[in-house]
C-alpha atoms as a PDB file:
ATOM      1  CA  MET A   1      19.531  27.339   7.550  1.00  0.00           C
ATOM      2  CA  THR A   2      22.965  28.880   6.950  1.00  0.00           C
ATOM      3  CA  GLY A   3      24.947  29.321  10.176  1.00  0.00           C
ATOM      4  CA  ARG A   4      22.435  27.452  12.352  1.00  0.00           C
ATOM      5  CA  ARG A   5      23.188  24.121  14.017  1.00  0.00           C
ATOM      6  CA  LEU A   6      20.830  21.204  14.495  1.00  0.00           C
ATOM      7  CA  THR A   7      19.566  20.966  18.080  1.00  0.00           C
ATOM      8  CA  VAL A   8      18.930  17.939  20.280  1.00  0.00           C
ATOM      9  CA  GLU A   9      15.327  19.096  20.694  1.00  0.00           C
ATOM     10  CA  GLU A  10      14.814  18.935  16.923  1.00  0.00           C
ATOM     11  CA  ILE A  11      16.276  15.430  16.767  1.00  0.00           C
ATOM     12  CA  LEU A  12      13.878  14.240  19.482  1.00  0.00           C
ATOM     13  CA  GLN A  13      10.719  15.716  17.999  1.00  0.00           C
ATOM     14  CA  GLY A  14       8.190  13.710  15.993  1.00  0.00           C
ATOM     15  CA  GLY A  15       8.429  13.942  12.230  1.00  0.00           C
ATOM     16  CA  PHE A  16      12.206  14.430  12.256  1.00  0.00           C
ATOM     17  CA  SER A  17      13.997  13.227   9.124  1.00  0.00           C
ATOM     18  CA  THR A  18      17.463  13.366   7.607  1.00  0.00           C
ATOM     19  CA  PRO A  19      19.166  15.166   6.010  1.00  0.00           C
ATOM     20  CA  TRP A  20      17.966  17.669   8.591  1.00  0.00           C
ATOM     21  CA  ASP A  21      18.344  20.713   6.328  1.00  0.00           C
ATOM     22  CA  ALA A  22      16.585  18.995   3.380  1.00  0.00           C
ATOM     23  CA  PRO A  23      14.384  16.319   5.010  1.00  0.00           C
ATOM     24  CA  MET A  24      13.296  13.367   2.904  1.00  0.00           C
ATOM     25  CA  VAL A  25      10.426  11.917   4.935  1.00  0.00           C
ATOM     26  CA  PRO A  26       7.391  14.217   5.314  1.00  0.00           C
ATOM     27  CA  PRO A  27       5.755  14.698   8.721  1.00  0.00           C
ATOM     28  CA  PHE A  28       2.080  13.881   9.272  1.00  0.00           C
ATOM     29  CA  PRO A  29      -0.341  14.848   7.951  1.00  0.00           C
ATOM     30  CA  PHE A  30       0.081  15.233   4.202  1.00  0.00           C
ATOM     31  CA  SER A  31      -2.537  14.983   1.485  1.00  0.00           C
ATOM     32  CA  PHE A  32      -3.084  13.280  -1.854  1.00  0.00           C
ATOM     33  CA  ARG A  33      -5.361  14.978  -4.387  1.00  0.00           C
ATOM     34  CA  ASP A  34      -6.997  13.659  -7.556  1.00  0.00           C
ATOM     35  CA  VAL A  35      -5.682  10.121  -7.055  1.00  0.00           C
ATOM     36  CA  GLU A  36      -6.699   7.657  -9.773  1.00  0.00           C
ATOM     37  CA  VAL A  37      -6.878   4.005  -8.711  1.00  0.00           C
ATOM     38  CA  LEU A  38      -7.351   0.746 -10.569  1.00  0.00           C
ATOM     39  CA  THR A  39      -8.146  -2.027  -8.091  1.00  0.00           C
ATOM     40  CA  LEU A  40      -7.870  -5.591  -9.355  1.00  0.00           C
ATOM     41  CA  ALA A  41      -9.507  -8.409  -7.381  1.00  0.00           C
ATOM     42  CA  TRP A  42      -8.898 -12.140  -7.687  1.00  0.00           C
ATOM     43  CA  ARG A  43      -9.267 -15.329  -5.702  1.00  0.00           C
ATOM     44  CA  THR A  44      -6.116 -17.197  -4.749  1.00  0.00           C
ATOM     45  CA  ASP A  45      -5.177 -20.281  -2.737  1.00  0.00           C
ATOM     46  CA  PRO A  46      -6.089 -19.843   0.951  1.00  0.00           C
ATOM     47  CA  GLU A  47      -2.769 -21.404   1.970  1.00  0.00           C
ATOM     48  CA  ALA A  48      -0.938 -18.809  -0.143  1.00  0.00           C
ATOM     49  CA  VAL A  49      -2.530 -16.003   1.895  1.00  0.00           C
ATOM     50  CA  GLU A  50      -1.802 -17.756   5.187  1.00  0.00           C
ATOM     51  CA  ARG A  51       1.848 -18.292   4.224  1.00  0.00           C
ATOM     52  CA  LEU A  52       2.456 -14.545   3.809  1.00  0.00           C
ATOM     53  CA  LEU A  53       0.810 -13.422   7.055  1.00  0.00           C
ATOM     54  CA  PRO A  54       3.127 -12.875  10.044  1.00  0.00           C
ATOM     55  CA  PRO A  55       1.850 -14.463  13.272  1.00  0.00           C
ATOM     56  CA  PRO A  56      -0.393 -13.897  15.110  1.00  0.00           C
ATOM     57  CA  LEU A  57      -2.380 -12.548  12.121  1.00  0.00           C
ATOM     58  CA  GLU A  58      -4.964 -14.892  10.602  1.00  0.00           C
ATOM     59  CA  PRO A  59      -6.504 -14.766   7.104  1.00  0.00           C
ATOM     60  CA  THR A  60     -10.120 -13.687   6.631  1.00  0.00           C
ATOM     61  CA  SER A  61     -10.477 -14.162   2.869  1.00  0.00           C
ATOM     62  CA  ASP A  62      -8.992 -15.854  -0.195  1.00  0.00           C
ATOM     63  CA  VAL A  63      -9.339 -12.611  -2.185  1.00  0.00           C
ATOM     64  CA  VAL A  64      -6.348 -10.492  -3.199  1.00  0.00           C
ATOM     65  CA  LEU A  65      -6.672  -6.775  -3.971  1.00  0.00           C
ATOM     66  CA  ALA A  66      -4.006  -5.036  -6.030  1.00  0.00           C
ATOM     67  CA  HIS A  67      -4.385  -1.257  -6.045  1.00  0.00           C
ATOM     68  CA  ILE A  68      -2.504   0.551  -8.815  1.00  0.00           C
ATOM     69  CA  TYR A  69      -2.426   4.271  -8.016  1.00  0.00           C
ATOM     70  CA  LYS A  70      -1.701   7.227 -10.245  1.00  0.00           C
ATOM     71  CA  MET A  71      -0.802   9.856  -7.660  1.00  0.00           C
ATOM     72  CA  ASN A  72      -1.376  13.096  -9.535  1.00  0.00           C
ATOM     73  CA  ASP A  73      -0.833  15.686  -6.793  1.00  0.00           C
ATOM     74  CA  THR A  74       0.834  14.699  -3.510  1.00  0.00           C
ATOM     75  CA  GLU A  75       2.302  17.093  -0.975  1.00  0.00           C
ATOM     76  CA  TRP A  76       6.089  16.669  -0.625  1.00  0.00           C
ATOM     77  CA  LEU A  77       6.244  13.747  -3.085  1.00  0.00           C
ATOM     78  CA  GLY A  78       4.809  15.230  -6.268  1.00  0.00           C
ATOM     79  CA  PRO A  79       3.291  12.973  -8.960  1.00  0.00           C
ATOM     80  CA  TYR A  80       4.286   9.301  -8.892  1.00  0.00           C
ATOM     81  CA  GLY A  81       2.968   5.736  -9.231  1.00  0.00           C
ATOM     82  CA  GLU A  82       2.280   3.236  -6.464  1.00  0.00           C
ATOM     83  CA  SER A  83       0.870  -0.260  -6.087  1.00  0.00           C
ATOM     84  CA  ASN A  84      -0.317  -1.951  -2.888  1.00  0.00           C
ATOM     85  CA  ILE A  85      -1.122  -5.676  -2.859  1.00  0.00           C
ATOM     86  CA  MET A  86      -3.452  -6.580   0.018  1.00  0.00           C
ATOM     87  CA  VAL A  87      -4.963  -9.655   1.664  1.00  0.00           C
ATOM     88  CA  GLY A  88      -7.624  -9.756   4.381  1.00  0.00           C
ATOM     89  CA  CYS A  89      -6.550 -10.481   7.966  1.00  0.00           C
ATOM     90  CA  ARG A  90      -7.473 -10.205  11.633  1.00  0.00           C
ATOM     91  CA  LEU A  91      -5.599 -10.044  14.932  1.00  0.00           C
ATOM     92  CA  PRO A  92      -7.140 -12.705  17.213  1.00  0.00           C
ATOM     93  CA  GLY A  93      -8.328 -11.561  20.600  1.00  0.00           C
ATOM     94  CA  ALA A  94      -7.944  -7.883  19.804  1.00  0.00           C
ATOM     95  CA  GLY A  95     -11.060  -7.308  17.722  1.00  0.00           C
ATOM     96  CA  GLU A  96      -8.875  -5.897  14.955  1.00  0.00           C
ATOM     97  CA  ALA A  97      -9.366  -6.700  11.267  1.00  0.00           C
ATOM     98  CA  GLY A  98      -8.190  -5.155   8.044  1.00  0.00           C
ATOM     99  CA  SER A  99      -5.784  -5.765   5.193  1.00  0.00           C
ATOM    100  CA  TYR A 100      -2.156  -6.866   5.302  1.00  0.00           C
ATOM    101  CA  SER A 101       0.280  -5.706   2.619  1.00  0.00           C
ATOM    102  CA  PRO A 102       2.843  -8.358   1.612  1.00  0.00           C
ATOM    103  CA  TYR A 103       4.114  -6.290  -1.356  1.00  0.00           C
ATOM    104  CA  LEU A 104       4.205  -2.610  -2.366  1.00  0.00           C
ATOM    105  CA  PHE A 105       5.991  -0.949  -5.296  1.00  0.00           C
ATOM    106  CA  LEU A 106       6.575   2.770  -5.916  1.00  0.00           C
ATOM    107  CA  SER A 107       8.294   5.081  -8.361  1.00  0.00           C
ATOM    108  CA  SER A 108       9.055   7.612  -5.570  1.00  0.00           C
ATOM    109  CA  ASP A 109      12.129   7.345  -3.342  1.00  0.00           C
ATOM    110  CA  ILE A 110      10.388   9.527  -0.761  1.00  0.00           C
ATOM    111  CA  GLY A 111       7.386   7.209  -0.742  1.00  0.00           C
ATOM    112  CA  VAL A 112       9.594   4.139  -0.337  1.00  0.00           C
ATOM    113  CA  ALA A 113      11.514   5.709   2.564  1.00  0.00           C
ATOM    114  CA  HIS A 114       8.388   6.981   4.350  1.00  0.00           C
ATOM    115  CA  GLY A 115       6.529   3.712   3.968  1.00  0.00           C
ATOM    116  CA  ARG A 116       9.409   1.620   5.299  1.00  0.00           C
ATOM    117  CA  GLU A 117      10.721   3.926   8.054  1.00  0.00           C
ATOM    118  CA  VAL A 118       7.389   5.089   9.488  1.00  0.00           C
ATOM    119  CA  HIS A 119       4.693   2.533   8.615  1.00  0.00           C
ATOM    120  CA  GLY A 120       6.908  -0.514   8.277  1.00  0.00           C
ATOM    121  CA  GLN A 121       5.478  -1.282   4.845  1.00  0.00           C
ATOM    122  CA  PRO A 122       7.582  -3.615   2.650  1.00  0.00           C
ATOM    123  CA  LYS A 123       7.962  -0.982  -0.065  1.00  0.00           C
ATOM    124  CA  LYS A 124      10.410  -1.415  -2.927  1.00  0.00           C
ATOM    125  CA  SER A 125      11.157   0.614  -6.035  1.00  0.00           C
ATOM    126  CA  GLY A 126       9.041  -0.240  -9.047  1.00  0.00           C
ATOM    127  CA  ILE A 127       7.155   1.331 -11.923  1.00  0.00           C
ATOM    128  CA  PRO A 128       3.367   1.207 -11.505  1.00  0.00           C
ATOM    129  CA  THR A 129       1.420   2.778 -14.372  1.00  0.00           C
ATOM    130  CA  LEU A 130      -2.276   3.411 -14.986  1.00  0.00           C
ATOM    131  CA  GLU A 131      -3.682   4.723 -18.245  1.00  0.00           C
ATOM    132  CA  ALA A 132      -6.718   4.575 -20.488  1.00  0.00           C
ATOM    133  CA  ARG A 133      -5.946   2.762 -23.727  1.00  0.00           C
ATOM    134  CA  GLY A 134      -8.977   3.251 -25.926  1.00  0.00           C
ATOM    135  CA  ASP A 135     -11.937   1.564 -24.251  1.00  0.00           C
ATOM    136  CA  ALA A 136      -9.975  -0.060 -21.405  1.00  0.00           C
ATOM    137  CA  TRP A 137      -8.101   0.903 -18.281  1.00  0.00           C
ATOM    138  CA  VAL A 138      -4.714  -0.784 -18.261  1.00  0.00           C
ATOM    139  CA  GLY A 139      -2.614  -1.030 -15.120  1.00  0.00           C
ATOM    140  CA  THR A 140       0.879  -2.480 -14.897  1.00  0.00           C
ATOM    141  CA  VAL A 141       3.484  -2.909 -12.177  1.00  0.00           C
ATOM    142  CA  ALA A 142       7.067  -3.398 -13.352  1.00  0.00           C
ATOM    143  CA  ARG A 143      10.334  -4.204 -11.607  1.00  0.00           C
ATOM    144  CA  ASN A 144      13.628  -5.221 -13.220  1.00  0.00           C
ATOM    145  CA  GLY A 145      12.039  -4.534 -16.612  1.00  0.00           C
ATOM    146  CA  ILE A 146       9.372  -7.209 -16.044  1.00  0.00           C
ATOM    147  CA  ASP A 147       5.646  -6.430 -15.825  1.00  0.00           C
ATOM    148  CA  VAL A 148       4.835  -8.506 -12.741  1.00  0.00           C
ATOM    149  CA  ILE A 149       1.169  -7.396 -12.797  1.00  0.00           C
ATOM    150  CA  THR A 150      -0.938  -6.524 -15.830  1.00  0.00           C
ATOM    151  CA  GLY A 151      -4.615  -5.743 -15.302  1.00  0.00           C
ATOM    152  CA  THR A 152      -7.443  -4.470 -17.473  1.00  0.00           C
ATOM    153  CA  LEU A 153     -10.934  -3.104 -16.858  1.00  0.00           C
ATOM    154  CA  ALA A 154     -13.495  -1.825 -19.362  1.00  0.00           C
ATOM    155  CA  TYR A 155     -13.582   1.983 -19.488  1.00  0.00           C
ATOM    156  CA  LYS A 156     -16.403   3.387 -17.328  1.00  0.00           C
ATOM    157  CA  GLN A 157     -19.191   0.979 -18.235  1.00  0.00           C
ATOM    158  CA  ARG A 158     -20.838   0.403 -14.845  1.00  0.00           C
ATOM    159  CA  ARG A 159     -21.242   3.034 -12.144  1.00  0.00           C
ATOM    160  CA  ASP A 160     -20.617   1.765  -8.637  1.00  0.00           C
ATOM    161  CA  ARG A 161     -19.802   2.786  -5.064  1.00  0.00           C
ATOM    162  CA  ILE A 162     -16.603   2.209  -3.118  1.00  0.00           C
ATOM    163  CA  GLU A 163     -18.605   0.173  -0.581  1.00  0.00           C
ATOM    164  CA  SER A 164     -18.872  -2.602  -3.197  1.00  0.00           C
ATOM    165  CA  LEU A 165     -15.085  -2.932  -3.172  1.00  0.00           C
ATOM    166  CA  ALA A 166     -14.961  -2.853   0.629  1.00  0.00           C
ATOM    167  CA  ALA A 167     -17.271  -5.896   0.725  1.00  0.00           C
ATOM    168  CA  HIS A 168     -14.245  -8.171   0.188  1.00  0.00           C
ATOM    169  CA  PHE A 169     -12.555  -7.008   3.423  1.00  0.00           C
ATOM    170  CA  ASP A 170     -11.724  -3.773   5.233  1.00  0.00           C
ATOM    171  CA  PHE A 171      -8.957  -2.547   2.943  1.00  0.00           C
ATOM    172  CA  ALA A 172      -9.120   0.938   4.529  1.00  0.00           C
ATOM    173  CA  THR A 173      -7.373  -0.401   7.649  1.00  0.00           C
ATOM    174  CA  ASN A 174      -3.891  -1.293   6.448  1.00  0.00           C
ATOM    175  CA  ILE A 175      -1.744  -3.516   8.689  1.00  0.00           C
ATOM    176  CA  ASN A 176       2.016  -3.905   8.257  1.00  0.00           C
ATOM    177  CA  LEU A 177       4.983  -5.654   9.841  1.00  0.00           C
ATOM    178  CA  LYS A 178       7.530  -3.023  10.913  1.00  0.00           C
ATOM    179  CA  ALA A 179      11.056  -4.417  11.330  1.00  0.00           C
ATOM    180  CA  ILE A 180      14.031  -2.146  12.084  1.00  0.00           C
ATOM    181  CA  ASP A 181      17.391  -3.204  13.546  1.00  0.00           C
ATOM    182  CA  HIS A 182      19.968  -1.395  15.640  1.00  0.00           C
ATOM    183  CA  ILE A 183      23.342  -0.751  13.991  1.00  0.00           C
ATOM    184  CA  ASP A 184      24.818  -3.711  15.878  1.00  0.00           C
ATOM    185  CA  GLY A 185      22.220  -6.079  14.412  1.00  0.00           C
ATOM    186  CA  ARG A 186      19.943  -6.344  17.447  1.00  0.00           C
ATOM    187  CA  PRO A 187      16.223  -5.867  16.742  1.00  0.00           C
ATOM    188  CA  ALA A 188      15.117  -2.306  17.530  1.00  0.00           C
ATOM    189  CA  ILE A 189      11.489  -2.479  16.354  1.00  0.00           C
ATOM    190  CA  ARG A 190       9.298  -5.509  15.668  1.00  0.00           C
ATOM    191  CA  GLN A 191       5.683  -4.361  15.493  1.00  0.00           C
ATOM    192  CA  LEU A 192       2.415  -4.821  13.716  1.00  0.00           C
ATOM    193  CA  THR A 193       1.254  -1.319  12.808  1.00  0.00           C
ATOM    194  CA  ALA A 194      -2.081  -0.072  11.477  1.00  0.00           C
ATOM    195  CA  ARG A 195      -3.319   3.073   9.805  1.00  0.00           C
ATOM    196  CA  ARG A 196      -6.446   4.405   8.108  1.00  0.00           C
ATOM    197  CA  LEU A 197      -6.595   7.158   5.543  1.00  0.00           C
ATOM    198  CA  ALA A 198      -8.281  10.356   6.717  1.00  0.00           C
ATOM    199  CA  GLU A 199     -10.490  12.897   4.947  1.00  0.00           C
ATOM    200  CA  VAL A 200     -11.338  10.415   2.171  1.00  0.00           C
ATOM    201  CA  ALA A 201     -13.504  11.865  -0.607  1.00  0.00           C
ATOM    202  CA  VAL A 202     -14.358   9.512  -3.482  1.00  0.00           C
ATOM    203  CA  HIS A 203     -15.303  11.497  -6.588  1.00  0.00           C
ATOM    204  CA  GLU A 204     -16.278   8.626  -8.876  1.00  0.00           C
ATOM    205  CA  CYS A 205     -16.267   4.821  -8.909  1.00  0.00           C
ATOM    206  CA  TRP A 206     -16.750   2.350 -11.777  1.00  0.00           C
ATOM    207  CA  SER A 207     -16.602  -1.424 -11.813  1.00  0.00           C
ATOM    208  CA  GLY A 208     -16.757  -4.478 -14.047  1.00  0.00           C
ATOM    209  CA  PRO A 209     -15.065  -7.788 -14.746  1.00  0.00           C
ATOM    210  CA  CYS A 210     -11.289  -7.441 -14.729  1.00  0.00           C
ATOM    211  CA  THR A 211      -8.377  -9.437 -16.064  1.00  0.00           C
ATOM    212  CA  VAL A 212      -5.223 -10.131 -14.057  1.00  0.00           C
ATOM    213  CA  GLU A 213      -1.930 -11.530 -15.332  1.00  0.00           C
ATOM    214  CA  LEU A 214       1.015 -12.219 -13.000  1.00  0.00           C
ATOM    215  CA  ARG A 215       4.572 -12.834 -14.152  1.00  0.00           C
ATOM    216  CA  PRO A 216       7.213 -14.346 -11.854  1.00  0.00           C
ATOM    217  CA  ASN A 217      10.045 -12.144 -10.576  1.00  0.00           C
ATOM    218  CA  ILE A 218      12.166 -13.138  -7.595  1.00  0.00           C
ATOM    219  CA  GLN A 219      12.395  -9.474  -6.481  1.00  0.00           C
ATOM    220  CA  ALA A 220       8.645  -8.861  -6.818  1.00  0.00           C
ATOM    221  CA  PRO A 221       7.050 -12.239  -6.061  1.00  0.00           C
ATOM    222  CA  VAL A 222       3.389 -11.338  -6.408  1.00  0.00           C
ATOM    223  CA  TYR A 223       3.075 -14.611  -8.346  1.00  0.00           C
ATOM    224  CA  ARG A 224       3.033 -16.338  -4.945  1.00  0.00           C
ATOM    225  CA  LEU A 225      -0.613 -15.236  -4.769  1.00  0.00           C
ATOM    226  CA  PRO A 226      -1.701 -17.078  -7.935  1.00  0.00           C
ATOM    227  CA  VAL A 227      -4.867 -16.127  -9.814  1.00  0.00           C
ATOM    228  CA  ARG A 228      -7.496 -18.853  -9.400  1.00  0.00           C
ATOM    229  CA  GLU A 229     -10.536 -16.741 -10.314  1.00  0.00           C
ATOM    230  CA  MET A 230     -10.674 -13.210 -11.693  1.00  0.00           C
ATOM    231  CA  LEU A 231     -13.301 -11.042  -9.990  1.00  0.00           C
ATOM    232  CA  ASP A 232     -14.577  -7.500 -10.550  1.00  0.00           C
ATOM    233  CA  GLY A 233     -12.163  -4.615 -10.834  1.00  0.00           C
ATOM    234  CA  PHE A 234     -12.732  -0.981  -9.889  1.00  0.00           C
ATOM    235  CA  TYR A 235     -11.600   2.352 -11.241  1.00  0.00           C
ATOM    236  CA  TRP A 236     -12.025   5.127  -8.698  1.00  0.00           C
ATOM    237  CA  ARG A 237     -10.777   8.650  -8.137  1.00  0.00           C
ATOM    238  CA  ALA A 238     -10.351  10.211  -4.699  1.00  0.00           C
ATOM    239  CA  ASP A 239      -8.643  12.649  -2.345  1.00  0.00           C
ATOM    240  CA  PHE A 240      -7.294  11.565   1.049  1.00  0.00           C
ATOM    241  CA  THR A 241      -4.861  12.478   3.810  1.00  0.00           C
ATOM    242  CA  LEU A 242      -2.177  10.307   5.376  1.00  0.00           C
ATOM    243  CA  ALA A 243      -2.447  10.634   9.155  1.00  0.00           C
ATOM    244  CA  PRO A 244      -0.566   9.001  12.063  1.00  0.00           C
ATOM    245  CA  GLY A 245      -1.321   5.332  12.738  1.00  0.00           C
ATOM    246  CA  ARG A 246      -1.020   3.087  15.779  1.00  0.00           C
ATOM    247  CA  ILE A 247       0.805   0.041  17.115  1.00  0.00           C
ATOM    248  CA  LEU A 248      -1.334  -3.119  17.165  1.00  0.00           C
ATOM    249  CA  HIS A 249       1.203  -5.607  18.470  1.00  0.00           C
ATOM    250  CA  ASP A 250       4.744  -5.217  19.835  1.00  0.00           C
ATOM    251  CA  TYR A 251       6.750  -8.434  19.478  1.00  0.00           C
ATOM    252  CA  LEU A 252       9.572  -7.165  21.678  1.00  0.00           C
ATOM    253  CA  ALA A 253       7.177  -6.328  24.515  1.00  0.00           C
ATOM    254  CA  ALA A 254       5.295  -9.597  24.317  1.00  0.00           C
END
């Protein structure tokens, strides 16, 4: 890089990120290997789901899924922890359905930047952890020193398939509200975006009754999706690739 200047062509190309000589945001595609996931499922108040969905999205379920990932080997990012809280939704008139993410927490600054700048995900810094403690999987999500989510699942007692988890709603299609402003405060981007993981290979999947505890935190308000009934949880391990997504709805063009 020494002695070479950045070109206009490089600035205009897809996948460009700053600082240009040590880019932070990775270009598509990049892959995740040997990902461990604890997925907690619970029923909440239907009005709580509806309150968090941006219009024109509509709820399709009263179930909440909280994925707590242990990312063991990720290109560009390295090992880190992530959590994605999802609710089922659909876009009326478009034949589109999937999962909307009201909250995400990561221990990777690269992951936070990529999720917000590219996907429009509401990612914030946090400390998700997943570990086996004796005969139980224990997953936690912390921010500001508070464990806002604590979940448990018995260690590998019932073999299952990932399709059992997908029965709640299509969590593989992730929908997000992307909001970016110009420097003068005018809205630059207001979109609903969608993406699906590519090259997904699930190596193992286990399920059983799970426990979910939520603690209030104004900076991580998952408690706004209160636990009314704890359902089955899942431990699964997989590889997948993050590929480009698409624009479902453009508020500024409407």
